Amino acid sequence: MSTLFTNYARRSVHLVRGEGTRVYDDNNKAYLDFTSGIAVVSLGHAHPSIVDAVKKQSEKLWHTSNLFESPEQEMLAKTLMKGTPFSRAFFCNSGAEANEAAIKLARKHTGKQVIITFEQSFHGRTFGAMSATGQEKVKFGFGPMLETFRTIPFNDSRALEAAVDEDVAAIMLEVIQGEGGVNTITPEFASKIQEICMANGILCIVDEVQTGIGRTGSKYAYEHTVLQPDIMTLAKGLGGGFPIGAMLGHEKLAESFGPGTHGTTFGGNPLAVAVAQTVVDYVFEEEFLSEVERKSTYLMEKLKDSLANNHIEILGKGLLIGIRCTDEVTPIISIAEEEGLLLVQAGPNVIRLLPPLTVSEQEIDEAIALLTTSMRVPSQ
């Protein structure tokens, strides 16, 4: 009998080490990891520069209270904000924490309480973030949610217009709904959100927890749209495997987050900041981002060619890719795992591909061959 709560539907594989795109179980079986810990291991497993950053920082300082100044946090913040409309940062430990901070900041700054979110969205499992999430399965059994969220259909301009009134503090969205099915915002809907925010003094919060830090081929996914967010949240790929989250915001919001308004014990600790700085120094290089876009094009074209007869639809952008199937995909993911390819779902009928941003063309070819084989094997 396990000593752990059963809140995770754990797979039976016990992974013990990794290198780049490959991980190995306790029987030394190798797997191509096209989950990246769900868009986390952005530079692959055990990247030498990240290992070196952890070693060096661990010999200096692991933790100090946020009561003290942190030049390292300042440097990381400036790196993240370069070329963006943001000028302030708050560091925490996860995407859910970053989204909680964003919700608090939006309400405090505007003096209003209502935040509009979207069906199939996912913002986290803490109570505020769960209330913002547009998936009932996440909320089931926990009683009444916070009542100040209005959840409407995604990419529906009429529904958005109808939801807006004088009580709305912010509109909160993912540019690509990763967990909810790899659903991408349409240009028309992005324009409508921006128009409504500007006309009504409503804040725009973009949740880039899964899409940020190079995942879509740019620093941040909102850069592919006309959106001009007031607040942006980050986590997952920011730490390359080390827990860290961040909320970035406009200068106009600074006065609303003064001393005592929000805080965290471990957020922005020296180890996390050292790792995150190493990650963004790599990922934000123009050549690196161009490579992500090139590999994305290669992967999508190969998928379309290899799966042309499978009645599927290819979704997403960069190296956040979905394969929408006509049937449930759980059996395919199980077969792929047996074949040596790790995948993750995005809803019942979408396979999500999230390889490390450092994945090679050869590894893409291997993964597609394994996936093609898995989709041909009849489920048991």
Protein backbone atom coordinates (compact mmCIF):
# COMPACT_ATOMS: atom_id res chain seq x y z
CA MET A 1 0.00 0.00 0.00
CA SER A 2 1.32 3.43 -0.92
CA THR A 3 2.06 6.03 1.75
CA LEU A 4 1.14 8.76 -0.77
CA PHE A 5 -2.23 10.31 -1.50
CA THR A 6 -3.63 9.03 -4.78
CA ASN A 7 -4.29 12.46 -6.29
CA TYR A 8 -2.05 11.59 -9.24
CA ALA A 9 -2.94 8.92 -11.80
CA ARG A 10 0.64 7.71 -11.76
CA ARG A 11 2.13 5.60 -14.51
CA SER A 12 4.08 2.51 -13.52
CA VAL A 13 7.38 3.66 -15.05
CA HIS A 14 10.01 4.68 -12.46
CA LEU A 15 12.35 7.21 -14.10
CA VAL A 16 15.75 7.53 -12.45
CA ARG A 17 17.93 9.66 -14.74
CA GLY A 18 17.89 11.74 -17.89
CA GLU A 19 20.15 13.34 -20.43
CA GLY A 20 18.89 15.76 -23.06
CA THR A 21 15.69 14.42 -24.58
CA ARG A 22 16.13 10.90 -23.18
CA VAL A 23 15.19 9.51 -19.79
CA TYR A 24 15.87 6.08 -18.31
CA ASP A 25 13.88 3.91 -15.92
CA ASP A 26 15.14 1.66 -13.13
CA ASN A 27 15.58 -1.17 -15.65
CA ASN A 28 17.76 1.13 -17.82
CA LYS A 29 15.12 1.27 -20.54
CA ALA A 30 15.43 4.48 -22.57
CA TYR A 31 12.51 6.73 -23.49
CA LEU A 32 12.25 9.80 -25.69
CA ASP A 33 10.71 12.39 -23.40
CA PHE A 34 8.19 14.41 -25.40
CA THR A 35 6.56 15.69 -22.20
CA SER A 36 9.51 17.69 -20.81
CA GLY A 37 7.88 17.30 -17.41
CA ILE A 38 4.86 19.06 -19.01
CA ALA A 39 6.75 21.91 -20.72
CA VAL A 40 9.24 22.32 -17.88
CA VAL A 41 12.59 20.85 -18.91
CA SER A 42 13.16 23.47 -21.61
CA LEU A 43 16.87 22.74 -22.15
CA GLY A 44 16.51 19.00 -21.70
CA HIS A 45 17.47 16.83 -18.76
CA ALA A 46 20.72 17.50 -16.86
CA HIS A 47 21.85 20.29 -19.17
CA PRO A 48 25.53 20.92 -18.29
CA SER A 49 25.06 24.68 -17.87
CA ILE A 50 22.15 24.21 -15.48
CA VAL A 51 24.02 21.56 -13.50
CA ASP A 52 26.97 23.95 -13.26
CA ALA A 53 24.74 26.83 -12.15
CA VAL A 54 23.22 24.72 -9.35
CA LYS A 55 26.64 23.50 -8.20
CA LYS A 56 28.15 26.98 -8.08
CA GLN A 57 25.19 28.60 -6.33
CA SER A 58 24.81 25.74 -3.85
CA GLU A 59 28.31 26.48 -2.58
CA LYS A 60 27.44 30.15 -1.95
CA LEU A 61 23.88 30.72 -0.76
CA TRP A 62 20.72 28.60 -0.91
CA HIS A 63 18.23 30.82 0.79
CA THR A 64 17.77 34.24 2.25
CA SER A 65 14.58 36.06 3.18
CA ASN A 66 12.97 38.43 0.72
CA LEU A 67 13.41 41.03 3.45
CA PHE A 68 16.87 41.57 1.93
CA GLU A 69 17.85 43.05 -1.42
CA SER A 70 18.60 40.66 -4.27
CA PRO A 71 20.73 41.93 -7.18
CA GLU A 72 20.28 38.50 -8.78
CA GLN A 73 16.48 38.87 -8.81
CA GLU A 74 16.92 42.34 -10.28
CA MET A 75 19.10 40.98 -13.09
CA LEU A 76 16.69 38.14 -13.89
CA ALA A 77 13.76 40.56 -13.90
CA LYS A 78 15.54 42.86 -16.35
CA THR A 79 16.33 39.93 -18.64
CA LEU A 80 12.70 38.78 -18.64
CA MET A 81 11.34 42.28 -19.24
CA LYS A 82 13.70 43.37 -22.01
CA GLY A 83 11.69 44.26 -25.11
CA THR A 84 8.36 43.97 -23.26
CA PRO A 85 5.96 46.59 -21.85
CA PHE A 86 6.66 45.34 -18.31
CA SER A 87 8.82 47.07 -15.72
CA ARG A 88 8.09 45.21 -12.46
CA ALA A 89 8.49 41.56 -11.42
CA PHE A 90 7.47 39.34 -8.53
CA PHE A 91 9.10 35.91 -8.13
CA CYS A 92 7.36 32.90 -6.59
CA ASN A 93 7.54 29.09 -6.84
CA SER A 94 4.97 27.93 -9.40
CA GLY A 95 2.46 28.88 -12.07
CA ALA A 96 -0.47 28.68 -9.68
CA GLU A 97 1.29 31.07 -7.30
CA ALA A 98 2.04 33.46 -10.15
CA ASN A 99 -1.62 33.43 -11.18
CA GLU A 100 -2.78 33.98 -7.59
CA ALA A 101 -0.51 37.03 -7.47
CA ALA A 102 -1.94 38.29 -10.76
CA ILE A 103 -5.53 37.90 -9.51
CA LYS A 104 -4.73 39.76 -6.29
CA LEU A 105 -2.91 42.55 -8.12
CA ALA A 106 -5.70 43.06 -10.67
CA ARG A 107 -8.36 43.29 -7.96
CA LYS A 108 -6.34 45.55 -5.70
CA HIS A 109 -5.28 47.93 -8.46
CA THR A 110 -8.71 48.34 -10.03
CA GLY A 111 -10.81 48.12 -6.89
CA LYS A 112 -13.05 45.75 -8.83
CA GLN A 113 -13.61 42.04 -8.30
CA VAL A 114 -14.80 40.34 -11.51
CA ILE A 115 -12.28 38.59 -13.74
CA ILE A 116 -13.35 37.11 -17.08
CA THR A 117 -11.80 33.74 -17.96
CA PHE A 118 -12.50 31.12 -20.63
CA GLU A 119 -13.83 27.61 -21.00
CA GLN A 120 -11.12 24.94 -21.30
CA SER A 121 -8.59 27.25 -19.65
CA PHE A 122 -6.25 26.03 -16.93
CA HIS A 123 -4.68 28.40 -14.40
CA GLY A 124 -3.78 26.13 -11.48
CA ARG A 125 -5.21 24.18 -8.55
CA THR A 126 -5.02 26.64 -5.67
CA PHE A 127 -8.44 28.05 -4.82
CA GLY A 128 -8.24 31.31 -6.75
CA ALA A 129 -6.52 29.74 -9.75
CA MET A 130 -8.95 26.81 -9.68
CA SER A 131 -11.89 29.23 -9.66
CA ALA A 132 -10.38 30.95 -12.70
CA THR A 133 -9.97 27.64 -14.55
CA GLY A 134 -12.62 26.84 -17.15
CA GLN A 135 -12.77 23.06 -16.61
CA GLU A 136 -15.35 21.56 -14.28
CA LYS A 137 -13.35 18.38 -13.70
CA VAL A 138 -10.74 20.45 -11.86
CA LYS A 139 -13.37 21.95 -9.52
CA PHE A 140 -15.47 18.86 -8.82
CA GLY A 141 -16.01 18.07 -5.15
CA PHE A 142 -14.54 21.24 -3.65
CA GLY A 143 -17.77 23.12 -3.07
CA PRO A 144 -18.57 26.65 -4.22
CA MET A 145 -15.84 28.42 -6.16
CA LEU A 146 -15.00 32.10 -5.79
CA GLU A 147 -17.97 33.86 -7.35
CA THR A 148 -16.10 36.72 -8.98
CA PHE A 149 -14.98 34.83 -12.07
CA ARG A 150 -17.08 34.83 -15.25
CA THR A 151 -16.13 31.96 -17.49
CA ILE A 152 -17.24 32.22 -21.11
CA PRO A 153 -16.52 30.36 -24.38
CA PHE A 154 -13.05 30.88 -25.87
CA ASN A 155 -12.80 32.74 -29.18
CA ASP A 156 -16.40 33.97 -28.86
CA SER A 157 -16.47 37.77 -29.29
CA ARG A 158 -20.22 38.09 -28.68
CA ALA A 159 -20.00 36.22 -25.39
CA LEU A 160 -17.11 38.46 -24.37
CA GLU A 161 -18.98 41.64 -25.15
CA ALA A 162 -21.98 40.39 -23.17
CA ALA A 163 -19.79 39.54 -20.14
CA VAL A 164 -18.21 42.98 -19.81
CA ASP A 165 -19.65 45.50 -17.36
CA GLU A 166 -18.40 48.11 -14.90
CA ASP A 167 -17.47 45.45 -12.32
CA VAL A 168 -14.81 43.75 -14.51
CA ALA A 169 -11.24 44.18 -13.28
CA ALA A 170 -9.45 41.99 -15.82
CA ILE A 171 -9.62 39.48 -18.65
CA MET A 172 -7.37 36.47 -17.99
CA LEU A 173 -6.38 34.08 -20.76
CA GLU A 174 -3.88 31.68 -22.28
CA VAL A 175 -2.87 32.48 -25.86
CA ILE A 176 -2.74 28.71 -26.41
CA GLN A 177 -4.78 26.61 -23.99
CA GLY A 178 -2.28 23.84 -23.40
CA GLU A 179 -4.08 21.72 -20.82
CA GLY A 180 -7.49 22.37 -22.36
CA GLY A 181 -6.82 20.92 -25.81
CA VAL A 182 -4.08 23.04 -27.47
CA ASN A 183 -6.66 25.65 -28.50
CA THR A 184 -5.12 28.76 -30.07
CA ILE A 185 -6.60 32.24 -29.84
CA THR A 186 -7.84 33.59 -33.17
CA PRO A 187 -6.48 36.94 -34.43
CA GLU A 188 -10.02 38.34 -34.37
CA PHE A 189 -10.58 37.38 -30.75
CA ALA A 190 -7.22 38.76 -29.66
CA SER A 191 -8.13 42.05 -31.33
CA LYS A 192 -11.51 42.09 -29.58
CA ILE A 193 -9.91 41.50 -26.15
CA GLN A 194 -7.43 44.29 -26.74
CA GLU A 195 -10.16 46.64 -27.94
CA ILE A 196 -12.39 45.95 -24.94
CA CYS A 197 -9.56 46.31 -22.43
CA MET A 198 -8.46 49.64 -23.88
CA ALA A 199 -11.98 51.02 -24.12
CA ASN A 200 -13.04 50.04 -20.61
CA GLY A 201 -9.89 50.35 -18.52
CA ILE A 202 -9.82 46.56 -18.02
CA LEU A 203 -6.50 44.85 -17.30
CA CYS A 204 -5.30 42.08 -19.62
CA ILE A 205 -3.66 39.15 -17.83
CA VAL A 206 -1.85 36.65 -20.06
CA ASP A 207 -1.03 33.30 -18.47
CA GLU A 208 2.23 32.19 -20.11
CA VAL A 209 3.00 29.47 -17.60
CA GLN A 210 3.11 26.83 -20.35
CA THR A 211 3.64 28.97 -23.46
CA GLY A 212 6.38 31.31 -22.22
CA ILE A 213 10.19 31.10 -22.35
CA GLY A 214 10.57 30.11 -26.01
CA ARG A 215 7.99 27.33 -26.12
CA THR A 216 6.15 28.84 -29.13
CA GLY A 217 9.25 30.08 -30.98
CA SER A 218 9.25 33.57 -29.43
CA LYS A 219 10.11 34.68 -25.92
CA TYR A 220 6.41 34.84 -25.08
CA ALA A 221 3.37 33.60 -26.98
CA TYR A 222 1.49 36.90 -26.75
CA GLU A 223 4.12 38.33 -29.13
CA HIS A 224 2.41 36.41 -31.94
CA THR A 225 -0.77 38.45 -31.34
CA VAL A 226 -1.92 42.08 -31.03
CA LEU A 227 -2.39 41.66 -27.27
CA GLN A 228 -0.67 44.18 -25.02
CA PRO A 229 -0.90 42.51 -21.60
CA ASP A 230 -0.77 44.51 -18.38
CA ILE A 231 0.23 41.42 -16.39
CA MET A 232 1.95 38.21 -17.48
CA THR A 233 2.60 35.04 -15.49
CA LEU A 234 5.43 32.56 -16.00
CA ALA A 235 6.71 29.28 -14.52
CA LYS A 236 7.39 25.79 -15.99
CA GLY A 237 10.12 26.37 -18.60
CA LEU A 238 11.52 29.37 -16.72
CA GLY A 239 13.42 27.14 -14.30
CA GLY A 240 14.29 24.35 -16.72
CA GLY A 241 13.23 21.86 -14.04
CA PHE A 242 13.87 23.92 -10.90
CA PRO A 243 10.72 25.35 -9.25
CA ILE A 244 10.25 29.06 -9.95
CA GLY A 245 7.38 31.27 -11.07
CA ALA A 246 7.12 34.94 -11.95
CA MET A 247 4.56 37.67 -12.44
CA LEU A 248 5.51 40.64 -14.61
CA GLY A 249 3.52 43.85 -14.67
CA HIS A 250 3.32 47.44 -15.90
CA GLU A 251 4.81 50.30 -13.94
CA LYS A 252 1.32 51.70 -13.35
CA LEU A 253 0.60 48.68 -11.13
CA ALA A 254 3.62 49.11 -8.85
CA GLU A 255 1.89 51.25 -6.22
CA SER A 256 -0.76 48.55 -5.72
CA PHE A 257 1.79 45.96 -4.56
CA GLY A 258 3.55 47.81 -1.77
CA PRO A 259 5.13 46.28 1.37
CA GLY A 260 2.87 43.74 3.08
CA THR A 261 0.41 43.28 0.20
CA HIS A 262 1.83 39.95 -0.98
CA GLY A 263 4.77 37.68 -0.26
CA THR A 264 6.45 34.30 -0.35
CA THR A 265 9.04 32.55 1.78
CA PHE A 266 10.87 30.64 -0.94
CA GLY A 267 10.02 32.66 -4.05
CA GLY A 268 13.03 33.97 -5.94
CA ASN A 269 15.51 32.06 -3.78
CA PRO A 270 19.15 32.18 -4.96
CA LEU A 271 19.20 28.62 -6.35
CA ALA A 272 16.05 29.13 -8.42
CA VAL A 273 17.17 32.51 -9.72
CA ALA A 274 20.61 31.19 -10.73
CA VAL A 275 19.01 28.38 -12.72
CA ALA A 276 16.38 30.62 -14.34
CA GLN A 277 19.03 33.15 -15.38
CA THR A 278 20.98 30.35 -17.04
CA VAL A 279 17.85 29.16 -18.89
CA VAL A 280 16.82 32.55 -20.24
CA ASP A 281 20.37 33.44 -21.25
CA TYR A 282 20.20 30.41 -23.55
CA VAL A 283 16.61 30.55 -24.72
CA PHE A 284 16.39 34.28 -25.41
CA GLU A 285 19.21 34.21 -27.95
CA GLU A 286 17.72 35.06 -31.35
CA GLU A 287 19.43 32.11 -33.01
CA PHE A 288 18.02 29.71 -30.40
CA LEU A 289 14.46 30.97 -30.91
CA SER A 290 14.85 30.70 -34.69
CA GLU A 291 15.92 27.09 -34.22
CA VAL A 292 12.78 26.39 -32.19
CA GLU A 293 10.65 27.77 -35.03
CA ARG A 294 12.57 25.76 -37.60
CA LYS A 295 12.21 22.53 -35.60
CA SER A 296 8.52 23.27 -35.10
CA THR A 297 7.98 23.53 -38.86
CA TYR A 298 9.94 20.32 -39.37
CA LEU A 299 7.95 18.45 -36.70
CA MET A 300 4.56 19.63 -37.94
CA GLU A 301 5.30 18.78 -41.56
CA LYS A 302 6.59 15.35 -40.60
CA LEU A 303 3.49 14.70 -38.48
CA LYS A 304 1.16 15.69 -41.31
CA ASP A 305 3.00 13.40 -43.73
CA SER A 306 3.30 10.43 -41.39
CA LEU A 307 -0.23 10.59 -39.99
CA ALA A 308 -2.02 11.68 -43.16
CA ASN A 309 -4.31 8.63 -43.12
CA ASN A 310 -5.22 8.81 -39.42
CA HIS A 311 -8.00 11.43 -39.55
CA ILE A 312 -6.17 13.81 -37.26
CA GLU A 313 -5.72 17.58 -36.94
CA ILE A 314 -2.40 19.19 -36.03
CA LEU A 315 -2.70 22.07 -33.53
CA GLY A 316 -0.46 24.52 -31.72
CA LYS A 317 2.67 26.54 -32.35
CA GLY A 318 6.38 26.18 -31.77
CA LEU A 319 7.08 23.07 -29.72
CA LEU A 320 3.65 23.04 -28.08
CA ILE A 321 1.85 20.77 -30.52
CA GLY A 322 -1.43 18.90 -30.31
CA ILE A 323 -2.73 16.00 -32.37
CA ARG A 324 -6.53 15.98 -32.26
CA CYS A 325 -7.89 12.49 -32.89
CA THR A 326 -11.40 11.21 -33.44
CA ASP A 327 -11.16 8.78 -30.50
CA GLU A 328 -9.77 8.93 -26.98
CA VAL A 329 -5.98 8.97 -26.97
CA THR A 330 -5.20 7.24 -23.65
CA PRO A 331 -4.56 3.85 -25.35
CA ILE A 332 -2.20 5.47 -27.86
CA ILE A 333 -0.20 7.16 -25.11
CA SER A 334 0.10 3.86 -23.22
CA ILE A 335 1.29 2.01 -26.32
CA ALA A 336 3.77 4.77 -27.12
CA GLU A 337 5.20 4.49 -23.62
CA GLU A 338 5.75 0.77 -24.13
CA GLU A 339 7.51 1.59 -27.42
CA GLY A 340 9.78 4.10 -25.67
CA LEU A 341 8.05 7.46 -26.26
CA LEU A 342 6.59 9.55 -23.44
CA LEU A 343 3.56 11.70 -24.31
CA VAL A 344 0.84 13.56 -22.42
CA GLN A 345 -2.82 14.30 -23.12
CA ALA A 346 -4.62 17.62 -23.49
CA GLY A 347 -8.17 16.50 -22.92
CA PRO A 348 -9.64 13.14 -23.92
CA ASN A 349 -8.85 13.21 -27.66
CA VAL A 350 -5.71 15.35 -28.01
CA ILE A 351 -2.12 14.10 -27.78
CA ARG A 352 0.23 16.85 -26.63
CA LEU A 353 3.84 16.94 -27.81
CA LEU A 354 6.17 19.01 -25.60
CA PRO A 355 9.76 18.01 -26.40
CA PRO A 356 12.66 19.96 -24.88
CA LEU A 357 13.46 23.04 -26.94
CA THR A 358 16.86 21.43 -27.57
CA VAL A 359 15.36 18.37 -29.32
CA SER A 360 17.22 17.32 -32.47
CA GLU A 361 15.80 16.48 -35.90
CA GLN A 362 16.99 12.90 -35.45
CA GLU A 363 15.04 12.65 -32.19
CA ILE A 364 11.98 14.15 -33.89
CA ASP A 365 12.24 11.48 -36.59
CA GLU A 366 12.55 8.74 -33.96
CA ALA A 367 9.55 10.06 -32.03
CA ILE A 368 7.36 10.27 -35.13
CA ALA A 369 8.27 6.71 -36.10
CA LEU A 370 7.31 5.48 -32.61
CA LEU A 371 4.11 7.52 -32.60
CA THR A 372 3.10 6.26 -36.05
CA THR A 373 3.63 2.69 -34.90
CA SER A 374 1.63 3.32 -31.70
CA MET A 375 -1.32 4.75 -33.59
CA ARG A 376 -1.46 1.67 -35.81
CA VAL A 377 -1.55 -0.83 -32.94
CA PRO A 378 -5.15 -1.69 -31.96
CA SER A 379 -5.94 -0.93 -28.32
CA GLN A 380 -6.40 -3.90 -26.02
